[in-house]
N, C-alpha and C. Protein backbone atom coordinates (compact mmCIF):
# COMPACT_ATOMS: atom_id res chain seq x y z
N UNK A 1 0.80 -1.14 0.01
CA UNK A 1 0.04 -0.03 0.03
C UNK A 1 0.80 1.20 -0.03
N UNK A 2 1.97 1.22 0.82
CA UNK A 2 2.86 2.37 0.86
C UNK A 2 3.62 2.54 -0.50
N UNK A 3 3.76 1.39 -1.08
CA UNK A 3 4.47 1.42 -2.36
C UNK A 3 3.61 2.16 -3.41
N UNK A 4 2.24 1.88 -3.51
CA UNK A 4 1.34 2.49 -4.31
C UNK A 4 1.23 3.97 -4.04
N UNK A 5 1.21 4.40 -2.85
CA UNK A 5 1.19 5.81 -2.40
C UNK A 5 2.44 6.57 -2.95
N UNK A 6 3.61 5.89 -2.83
CA UNK A 6 4.84 6.51 -3.29
C UNK A 6 4.82 6.72 -4.70
N UNK A 7 4.40 5.70 -5.44
CA UNK A 7 4.33 5.82 -6.92
C UNK A 7 3.35 6.84 -7.36
N UNK A 8 2.16 6.97 -6.76
CA UNK A 8 1.12 7.90 -7.10
C UNK A 8 1.58 9.27 -6.75
N UNK A 9 2.30 9.50 -5.63
CA UNK A 9 2.85 10.81 -5.24
C UNK A 9 3.88 11.27 -6.27
N UNK A 10 4.77 10.43 -6.74
CA UNK A 10 5.76 10.72 -7.75
C UNK A 10 5.11 11.15 -8.98
N UNK A 11 4.13 10.34 -9.38
CA UNK A 11 3.45 10.60 -10.63
C UNK A 11 2.66 11.99 -10.62
N UNK A 12 2.12 12.27 -9.49
CA UNK A 12 1.38 13.60 -9.33
C UNK A 12 2.46 14.74 -9.35
N UNK A 13 3.52 14.58 -8.66
CA UNK A 13 4.53 15.66 -8.66
C UNK A 13 5.11 15.83 -10.05
N UNK A 14 5.32 14.73 -10.74
CA UNK A 14 5.95 14.78 -12.15
C UNK A 14 4.92 15.42 -13.05
N UNK A 15 3.65 15.23 -12.94
CA UNK A 15 2.59 15.76 -13.72
C UNK A 15 2.50 17.25 -13.50
N UNK A 16 2.65 17.61 -12.31
CA UNK A 16 2.57 19.09 -11.93
C UNK A 16 3.66 19.89 -12.47
N UNK A 17 4.92 19.25 -12.55
CA UNK A 17 6.07 20.00 -12.97
C UNK A 17 6.30 19.97 -14.53
N UNK A 18 5.45 19.16 -15.18
CA UNK A 18 5.61 19.06 -16.78
C UNK A 18 4.80 20.28 -17.36
N UNK A 19 5.38 20.92 -18.30
CA UNK A 19 4.67 21.90 -19.02
C UNK A 19 4.12 21.30 -20.14
N UNK A 20 2.78 21.57 -20.42
CA UNK A 20 2.16 21.03 -21.55
C UNK A 20 2.08 22.05 -22.70
N UNK A 21 2.44 21.67 -23.86
CA UNK A 21 2.34 22.58 -25.04
C UNK A 21 1.32 22.10 -26.00
N UNK A 22 0.48 22.89 -26.32
CA UNK A 22 -0.60 22.60 -27.37
C UNK A 22 -0.18 23.36 -28.59
N UNK A 23 0.05 22.64 -29.68
CA UNK A 23 0.30 23.25 -30.94
C UNK A 23 -0.94 23.24 -31.83
N UNK A 24 -1.35 24.41 -32.21
CA UNK A 24 -2.53 24.39 -33.03
C UNK A 24 -2.12 24.85 -34.45
N UNK A 25 -2.75 24.20 -35.35
CA UNK A 25 -2.52 24.52 -36.74
C UNK A 25 -3.73 25.00 -37.48
N UNK A 26 -3.62 25.82 -38.21
CA UNK A 26 -4.70 26.40 -38.95
C UNK A 26 -4.44 26.15 -40.46
N UNK A 27 -5.56 25.69 -41.13
CA UNK A 27 -5.49 25.55 -42.59
C UNK A 27 -5.90 26.87 -43.25
N UNK A 28 -5.05 27.38 -44.10
CA UNK A 28 -5.29 28.64 -44.61
C UNK A 28 -5.48 28.37 -46.16
N UNK A 29 -6.57 28.87 -46.70
CA UNK A 29 -6.74 28.67 -48.14
C UNK A 29 -6.47 30.05 -48.81
N UNK A 30 -5.52 29.96 -49.72
CA UNK A 30 -5.21 31.17 -50.51
C UNK A 30 -6.11 31.26 -51.70
N UNK A 31 -6.60 32.39 -51.92
CA UNK A 31 -7.47 32.50 -53.10
C UNK A 31 -6.81 33.50 -54.00
N UNK A 32 -6.76 33.16 -55.29
CA UNK A 32 -6.23 34.16 -56.30
C UNK A 32 -7.32 35.20 -56.49
N UNK A 33 -6.91 36.42 -56.15
CA UNK A 33 -7.82 37.54 -56.46
C UNK A 33 -7.51 38.25 -57.73
N UNK A 34 -8.47 38.35 -58.51
CA UNK A 34 -8.27 38.98 -59.78
C UNK A 34 -9.66 39.45 -60.35
N UNK A 35 -9.61 40.45 -61.11
CA UNK A 35 -10.81 41.10 -61.72
C UNK A 35 -11.09 40.35 -62.98
N UNK A 36 -12.18 39.58 -63.08
CA UNK A 36 -12.61 38.94 -64.33
C UNK A 36 -13.75 39.61 -65.04
N UNK A 37 -14.05 40.83 -64.60
CA UNK A 37 -15.20 41.57 -65.18
C UNK A 37 -14.99 41.83 -66.64
N UNK A 38 -13.79 42.09 -67.10
CA UNK A 38 -13.62 42.48 -68.51
C UNK A 38 -13.51 41.28 -69.45
N UNK A 39 -13.74 40.03 -69.02
CA UNK A 39 -13.80 38.86 -69.92
C UNK A 39 -15.12 38.87 -70.65
N UNK A 40 -15.03 38.86 -71.92
CA UNK A 40 -16.28 38.86 -72.69
C UNK A 40 -16.81 37.33 -72.54
N UNK A 41 -18.06 37.22 -71.97
CA UNK A 41 -18.62 36.04 -71.75
C UNK A 41 -19.47 35.62 -72.94
N UNK A 42 -19.30 34.43 -73.59
CA UNK A 42 -20.23 34.03 -74.67
C UNK A 42 -21.61 33.86 -74.04
N UNK A 43 -22.62 34.11 -74.90
CA UNK A 43 -24.03 34.32 -74.38
C UNK A 43 -24.58 33.08 -73.69
N UNK A 44 -24.08 31.89 -73.95
CA UNK A 44 -24.70 30.73 -73.39
C UNK A 44 -24.21 30.38 -71.97
N UNK A 45 -23.15 31.04 -71.48
CA UNK A 45 -22.62 30.94 -70.08
C UNK A 45 -21.76 29.75 -69.90
N UNK A 46 -21.51 29.57 -68.70
CA UNK A 46 -20.57 28.46 -68.19
C UNK A 46 -21.10 27.09 -68.61
N UNK A 47 -20.21 26.30 -69.06
CA UNK A 47 -20.57 24.83 -69.36
C UNK A 47 -20.08 23.95 -68.27
N UNK A 48 -18.92 24.21 -67.81
CA UNK A 48 -18.19 23.30 -66.89
C UNK A 48 -18.58 23.72 -65.49
N UNK A 49 -18.82 22.77 -64.57
CA UNK A 49 -19.23 23.06 -63.23
C UNK A 49 -18.16 23.81 -62.38
N UNK A 50 -16.98 23.69 -62.56
CA UNK A 50 -15.92 24.53 -62.01
C UNK A 50 -15.70 25.74 -62.80
N UNK A 51 -16.13 26.82 -62.40
CA UNK A 51 -16.19 28.02 -63.14
C UNK A 51 -14.78 28.53 -63.65
N UNK A 52 -13.83 28.42 -62.83
CA UNK A 52 -12.50 29.02 -63.17
C UNK A 52 -11.40 28.01 -62.61
N UNK A 53 -10.45 27.76 -63.45
CA UNK A 53 -9.28 27.06 -63.02
C UNK A 53 -8.05 27.87 -63.33
N UNK A 54 -7.27 28.06 -62.36
CA UNK A 54 -6.08 28.87 -62.38
C UNK A 54 -4.80 28.15 -62.45
N UNK A 55 -3.75 28.74 -63.10
CA UNK A 55 -2.40 28.37 -63.05
C UNK A 55 -1.65 29.27 -62.12
N UNK A 56 -0.55 28.81 -61.48
CA UNK A 56 0.09 29.80 -60.59
C UNK A 56 0.64 31.07 -61.20
N UNK A 57 0.80 31.10 -62.48
CA UNK A 57 1.16 32.32 -63.13
C UNK A 57 -0.05 33.26 -63.52
N UNK A 58 -1.23 32.84 -63.09
CA UNK A 58 -2.41 33.62 -63.21
C UNK A 58 -3.28 33.35 -64.40
N UNK A 59 -2.76 32.46 -65.32
CA UNK A 59 -3.51 32.00 -66.48
C UNK A 59 -4.83 31.35 -66.00
N UNK A 60 -5.82 31.59 -66.75
CA UNK A 60 -7.21 31.13 -66.42
C UNK A 60 -7.82 30.29 -67.44
N UNK A 61 -8.44 29.17 -67.16
CA UNK A 61 -9.14 28.32 -68.12
C UNK A 61 -10.65 28.27 -67.72
N UNK A 62 -11.41 28.60 -68.71
CA UNK A 62 -12.88 28.49 -68.53
C UNK A 62 -13.52 27.63 -69.70
N UNK A 63 -14.51 27.00 -69.41
CA UNK A 63 -15.27 26.23 -70.36
C UNK A 63 -16.67 26.74 -70.49
N UNK A 64 -17.10 27.09 -71.71
CA UNK A 64 -18.42 27.61 -71.85
C UNK A 64 -19.17 26.66 -72.85
N UNK A 65 -20.49 26.88 -72.96
CA UNK A 65 -21.31 26.37 -74.04
C UNK A 65 -21.01 27.03 -75.24
N UNK A 66 -21.03 26.30 -76.37
CA UNK A 66 -20.86 27.02 -77.71
C UNK A 66 -22.10 26.88 -78.42
N UNK A 67 -22.03 25.94 -79.44
CA UNK A 67 -23.22 25.69 -80.33
C UNK A 67 -24.21 24.84 -79.50
N UNK A 68 -25.48 25.02 -79.86
CA UNK A 68 -26.57 24.30 -79.24
C UNK A 68 -27.31 23.53 -80.38
N UNK A 69 -27.57 22.33 -80.04
CA UNK A 69 -28.34 21.50 -80.99
C UNK A 69 -29.62 20.96 -80.36
N UNK A 70 -30.60 21.04 -81.08
CA UNK A 70 -31.97 20.46 -80.54
C UNK A 70 -32.00 18.92 -80.83
N UNK A 71 -32.41 18.19 -79.68
CA UNK A 71 -32.52 16.76 -79.87
C UNK A 71 -33.88 16.30 -79.36
N UNK A 72 -34.21 15.06 -79.32
CA UNK A 72 -35.47 14.61 -78.85
C UNK A 72 -35.55 14.76 -77.34
N UNK A 73 -34.40 14.91 -76.76
CA UNK A 73 -34.33 15.01 -75.20
C UNK A 73 -34.22 16.43 -74.79
N UNK A 74 -34.14 17.37 -75.82
CA UNK A 74 -34.07 18.81 -75.46
C UNK A 74 -32.83 19.31 -76.11
N UNK A 75 -32.47 20.51 -75.89
CA UNK A 75 -31.28 21.08 -76.38
C UNK A 75 -30.09 20.62 -75.62
N UNK A 76 -28.92 20.35 -76.37
CA UNK A 76 -27.54 20.10 -75.85
C UNK A 76 -26.58 21.08 -76.40
N UNK A 77 -25.54 21.33 -75.59
CA UNK A 77 -24.55 22.27 -76.10
C UNK A 77 -23.19 21.59 -76.16
N UNK A 78 -22.39 22.13 -76.95
CA UNK A 78 -21.03 21.59 -77.08
C UNK A 78 -20.03 22.44 -76.37
N UNK A 79 -19.05 21.89 -75.67
CA UNK A 79 -18.12 22.70 -74.87
C UNK A 79 -17.10 23.41 -75.63
N UNK A 80 -16.74 24.62 -75.28
CA UNK A 80 -15.66 25.35 -75.93
C UNK A 80 -14.66 25.83 -74.86
N UNK A 81 -13.37 25.82 -74.97
CA UNK A 81 -12.44 26.07 -73.97
C UNK A 81 -11.82 27.43 -74.19
N UNK A 82 -11.63 28.30 -73.26
CA UNK A 82 -11.07 29.54 -73.42
C UNK A 82 -9.79 29.60 -72.39
N UNK A 83 -8.66 30.07 -72.92
CA UNK A 83 -7.51 30.30 -72.03
C UNK A 83 -7.25 31.87 -72.05
N UNK A 84 -7.19 32.33 -70.76
CA UNK A 84 -6.93 33.75 -70.58
C UNK A 84 -5.55 33.95 -69.90
N UNK A 85 -4.91 35.07 -70.09
CA UNK A 85 -3.71 35.43 -69.31
C UNK A 85 -4.14 36.13 -67.99
N UNK A 86 -3.22 36.52 -67.19
CA UNK A 86 -3.58 37.09 -65.89
C UNK A 86 -4.25 38.43 -66.07
N UNK A 87 -4.17 39.00 -67.18
CA UNK A 87 -4.77 40.40 -67.45
C UNK A 87 -6.15 40.14 -68.23
N UNK A 88 -6.61 38.88 -68.24
CA UNK A 88 -7.93 38.60 -68.90
C UNK A 88 -7.93 38.70 -70.37
N UNK A 89 -6.75 38.63 -70.95
CA UNK A 89 -6.65 38.75 -72.48
C UNK A 89 -6.75 37.32 -73.01
N UNK A 90 -7.69 37.07 -73.88
CA UNK A 90 -7.91 35.72 -74.50
C UNK A 90 -6.57 35.34 -75.26
N UNK A 91 -6.02 34.10 -74.79
CA UNK A 91 -4.86 33.69 -75.46
C UNK A 91 -5.08 32.62 -76.49
N UNK A 92 -6.17 31.85 -76.17
CA UNK A 92 -6.55 30.72 -77.10
C UNK A 92 -7.96 30.22 -76.86
N UNK A 93 -8.54 29.69 -77.88
CA UNK A 93 -9.95 29.26 -77.88
C UNK A 93 -10.00 27.93 -78.54
N UNK A 94 -10.54 26.86 -77.96
CA UNK A 94 -10.51 25.54 -78.49
C UNK A 94 -11.98 24.98 -78.51
N UNK A 95 -12.37 24.58 -79.62
CA UNK A 95 -13.70 23.97 -79.74
C UNK A 95 -13.56 22.42 -79.68
N UNK A 96 -14.28 21.82 -78.76
CA UNK A 96 -14.15 20.34 -78.49
C UNK A 96 -14.68 19.58 -79.71
N UNK A 97 -15.67 20.17 -80.49
CA UNK A 97 -16.06 19.53 -81.69
C UNK A 97 -14.96 19.36 -82.75
N UNK A 98 -14.00 20.30 -82.75
CA UNK A 98 -12.90 20.21 -83.70
C UNK A 98 -11.77 19.32 -83.05
N UNK A 99 -11.46 19.63 -81.81
CA UNK A 99 -10.31 18.99 -81.14
C UNK A 99 -10.57 17.49 -80.80
N UNK A 100 -11.80 17.20 -80.37
CA UNK A 100 -12.05 15.86 -79.82
C UNK A 100 -12.83 15.05 -80.88
N UNK A 101 -14.01 15.46 -81.12
CA UNK A 101 -14.94 14.68 -81.98
C UNK A 101 -16.22 15.48 -82.15
N UNK A 102 -16.87 15.36 -83.32
CA UNK A 102 -18.12 16.00 -83.65
C UNK A 102 -19.26 15.31 -82.84
N UNK A 103 -19.02 14.28 -82.15
CA UNK A 103 -19.93 13.47 -81.31
C UNK A 103 -19.83 13.95 -79.83
N UNK A 104 -19.00 14.90 -79.48
CA UNK A 104 -18.81 15.19 -78.12
C UNK A 104 -19.69 16.33 -77.66
N UNK A 105 -20.90 16.39 -77.97
CA UNK A 105 -21.86 17.35 -77.64
C UNK A 105 -22.03 17.57 -76.11
N UNK A 106 -22.53 16.59 -75.44
CA UNK A 106 -22.78 16.77 -74.05
C UNK A 106 -21.63 16.24 -73.16
N UNK A 107 -20.44 16.14 -73.67
CA UNK A 107 -19.39 15.62 -72.89
C UNK A 107 -18.91 16.30 -71.63
N UNK A 108 -18.20 15.61 -70.82
CA UNK A 108 -17.68 16.14 -69.54
C UNK A 108 -16.19 16.22 -69.65
N UNK A 109 -15.65 17.37 -69.10
CA UNK A 109 -14.20 17.60 -69.22
C UNK A 109 -13.71 17.81 -67.81
N UNK A 110 -12.79 16.81 -67.36
CA UNK A 110 -12.16 16.98 -66.10
C UNK A 110 -10.87 17.71 -66.40
N UNK A 111 -10.60 18.76 -65.56
CA UNK A 111 -9.54 19.62 -65.81
C UNK A 111 -8.66 19.76 -64.39
N UNK A 112 -7.39 19.56 -64.63
CA UNK A 112 -6.48 19.78 -63.51
C UNK A 112 -5.26 20.57 -63.91
N UNK A 113 -4.55 21.24 -62.96
CA UNK A 113 -3.34 21.79 -63.29
C UNK A 113 -2.22 20.85 -63.02
N UNK A 114 -1.23 20.72 -63.94
CA UNK A 114 -0.12 19.85 -63.80
C UNK A 114 1.15 20.74 -63.73
N UNK A 115 1.77 20.68 -62.53
CA UNK A 115 2.93 21.65 -62.32
C UNK A 115 4.19 21.07 -62.84
N UNK A 116 4.33 19.74 -63.05
CA UNK A 116 5.43 19.28 -63.69
C UNK A 116 5.76 19.75 -65.12
N UNK A 117 4.72 19.82 -65.91
CA UNK A 117 4.84 20.30 -67.23
C UNK A 117 4.21 21.66 -67.60
N UNK A 118 3.62 22.24 -66.45
CA UNK A 118 3.03 23.56 -66.55
C UNK A 118 1.96 23.51 -67.56
N UNK A 119 0.85 22.74 -67.26
CA UNK A 119 -0.17 22.65 -68.33
C UNK A 119 -1.56 22.39 -67.50
N UNK A 120 -2.59 22.65 -68.26
CA UNK A 120 -3.90 22.19 -67.85
C UNK A 120 -4.20 20.88 -68.53
N UNK A 121 -4.22 19.86 -67.65
CA UNK A 121 -4.55 18.46 -68.15
C UNK A 121 -6.06 18.23 -68.37
N UNK A 122 -6.50 17.61 -69.40
CA UNK A 122 -7.91 17.48 -69.69
C UNK A 122 -8.26 15.97 -69.97
N UNK A 123 -9.28 15.52 -69.38
CA UNK A 123 -9.81 14.24 -69.65
C UNK A 123 -11.29 14.34 -70.17
N UNK A 124 -11.51 13.77 -71.31
CA UNK A 124 -12.78 13.92 -72.00
C UNK A 124 -13.62 12.71 -71.88
N UNK A 125 -14.83 12.83 -71.35
CA UNK A 125 -15.71 11.64 -71.08
C UNK A 125 -17.14 11.90 -71.57
N UNK A 126 -17.68 10.94 -72.06
CA UNK A 126 -19.03 10.99 -72.39
C UNK A 126 -19.99 9.97 -71.71
N UNK A 127 -19.60 8.66 -72.07
CA UNK A 127 -20.30 7.53 -71.38
C UNK A 127 -19.63 6.92 -70.25
N UNK A 128 -18.27 7.01 -70.36
CA UNK A 128 -17.41 6.40 -69.47
C UNK A 128 -16.18 7.30 -69.20
N UNK A 129 -15.54 7.26 -68.08
CA UNK A 129 -14.42 8.09 -67.74
C UNK A 129 -13.32 7.93 -68.70
N UNK A 130 -13.02 8.99 -69.49
CA UNK A 130 -11.87 9.05 -70.41
C UNK A 130 -12.12 8.35 -71.74
N UNK A 131 -13.43 8.06 -71.97
CA UNK A 131 -13.68 7.31 -73.28
C UNK A 131 -13.50 8.14 -74.53
N UNK A 132 -13.29 9.48 -74.36
CA UNK A 132 -12.96 10.30 -75.46
C UNK A 132 -11.63 10.90 -75.40
N UNK A 133 -10.80 10.26 -74.55
CA UNK A 133 -9.43 10.48 -74.51
C UNK A 133 -8.85 11.63 -73.53
N UNK A 134 -7.62 11.92 -73.67
CA UNK A 134 -7.08 12.93 -72.94
C UNK A 134 -6.14 13.90 -73.70
N UNK A 135 -5.83 15.04 -73.16
CA UNK A 135 -4.98 16.02 -73.87
C UNK A 135 -4.62 17.00 -72.83
N UNK A 136 -3.75 18.04 -73.17
CA UNK A 136 -3.48 19.05 -72.29
C UNK A 136 -3.20 20.39 -73.05
N UNK A 137 -3.34 21.48 -72.34
CA UNK A 137 -2.96 22.84 -72.92
C UNK A 137 -1.64 23.14 -72.29
N UNK A 138 -0.64 23.24 -73.09
CA UNK A 138 0.75 23.60 -72.66
C UNK A 138 0.76 25.13 -72.37
N UNK A 139 1.00 25.52 -71.22
CA UNK A 139 0.93 26.87 -70.86
C UNK A 139 2.19 27.65 -71.15
N UNK A 140 3.14 27.04 -71.72
CA UNK A 140 4.40 27.62 -72.19
C UNK A 140 4.08 28.14 -73.59
N UNK A 141 3.33 27.43 -74.38
CA UNK A 141 3.01 27.67 -75.77
C UNK A 141 1.59 28.10 -76.00
N UNK A 142 0.72 27.85 -75.00
CA UNK A 142 -0.70 28.00 -75.19
C UNK A 142 -1.37 27.08 -76.22
N UNK A 143 -0.82 26.06 -76.55
CA UNK A 143 -1.20 25.09 -77.59
C UNK A 143 -1.81 23.94 -76.99
N UNK A 144 -2.74 23.35 -77.62
CA UNK A 144 -3.42 22.05 -77.17
C UNK A 144 -2.67 20.92 -77.71
N UNK A 145 -2.40 19.87 -76.92
CA UNK A 145 -1.72 18.66 -77.41
C UNK A 145 -2.60 17.47 -76.99
N UNK A 146 -2.98 16.70 -78.03
CA UNK A 146 -3.84 15.53 -77.83
C UNK A 146 -2.76 14.39 -77.38
N UNK A 147 -3.29 13.67 -76.23
CA UNK A 147 -2.40 12.54 -75.76
C UNK A 147 -3.06 11.20 -76.23
N UNK A 148 -4.12 10.93 -75.62
CA UNK A 148 -4.80 9.57 -75.84
C UNK A 148 -6.13 9.79 -76.63
N UNK A 149 -6.44 8.95 -77.56
CA UNK A 149 -7.71 8.97 -78.20
C UNK A 149 -8.86 8.41 -77.23
N UNK A 150 -8.51 7.51 -76.38
CA UNK A 150 -9.41 7.05 -75.32
C UNK A 150 -8.56 6.53 -74.24
N UNK A 151 -9.21 6.51 -73.06
CA UNK A 151 -8.43 6.07 -71.91
C UNK A 151 -8.91 4.60 -71.79
N UNK A 152 -7.93 3.65 -72.13
CA UNK A 152 -8.33 2.22 -72.25
C UNK A 152 -8.69 1.68 -70.80
N UNK A 153 -9.37 0.65 -70.71
CA UNK A 153 -9.76 0.01 -69.51
C UNK A 153 -8.48 -0.56 -68.79
N UNK A 154 -7.50 -0.90 -69.58
CA UNK A 154 -6.18 -1.49 -69.04
C UNK A 154 -5.55 -0.43 -68.12
N UNK A 155 -5.61 0.93 -68.50
CA UNK A 155 -5.01 1.90 -67.60
C UNK A 155 -5.69 1.95 -66.24
N UNK A 156 -6.89 1.75 -66.28
CA UNK A 156 -7.60 1.71 -64.95
C UNK A 156 -7.28 0.46 -64.03
N UNK A 157 -6.73 -0.53 -64.80
CA UNK A 157 -6.32 -1.63 -64.03
C UNK A 157 -4.79 -1.74 -63.83
N UNK A 158 -4.05 -0.60 -64.16
CA UNK A 158 -2.64 -0.45 -63.86
C UNK A 158 -1.77 -0.88 -65.05
N UNK A 159 -2.34 -1.09 -66.21
CA UNK A 159 -1.56 -1.47 -67.33
C UNK A 159 -1.24 -0.21 -68.16
N UNK A 160 -0.31 -0.27 -69.14
CA UNK A 160 0.20 0.78 -69.91
C UNK A 160 -1.01 1.19 -70.92
N UNK A 161 -1.27 2.51 -70.96
CA UNK A 161 -2.23 3.02 -71.83
C UNK A 161 -1.79 3.01 -73.28
N UNK A 162 -2.73 3.03 -74.20
CA UNK A 162 -2.47 3.02 -75.64
C UNK A 162 -2.50 4.47 -76.17
N UNK A 163 -1.51 4.83 -76.98
CA UNK A 163 -1.61 6.16 -77.49
C UNK A 163 -2.03 6.14 -79.03
N UNK A 164 -2.38 7.28 -79.58
CA UNK A 164 -2.95 7.21 -80.88
C UNK A 164 -1.72 7.05 -81.77
């Protein structure tokens, strides 16, 4: 019993003499602030659900609706891609009907910034992820580069993709 009392006393003394430090971290989201008011917006508006995608140098990529076609299911629009510089000057305009396929009317475009090659990477999907292929906009030249005609099922399983 005395032994337990001694250990408990040492523990209490040790706890009282220890200084506790609590380190708090805060997650800070930096937002690129820029005035996009002087960008001429095509009349049909945003196509892509992420309205603006930025590169670290301030270049901006937006996807809008372009042409509209009436179908049995209602109107569908084709996507058109605009690249702007940091001063909102249009650097390039890409029609997916020309770049991808005339069948890419209601397609989905997944876009991400690739810091390794300084590009906006694009994956084009209609019925399945990547089934209309991949490409990227090289931000050093502002040119579109087509990579894959389709994202094969093998790539999703860890195998090497096929190029065009």
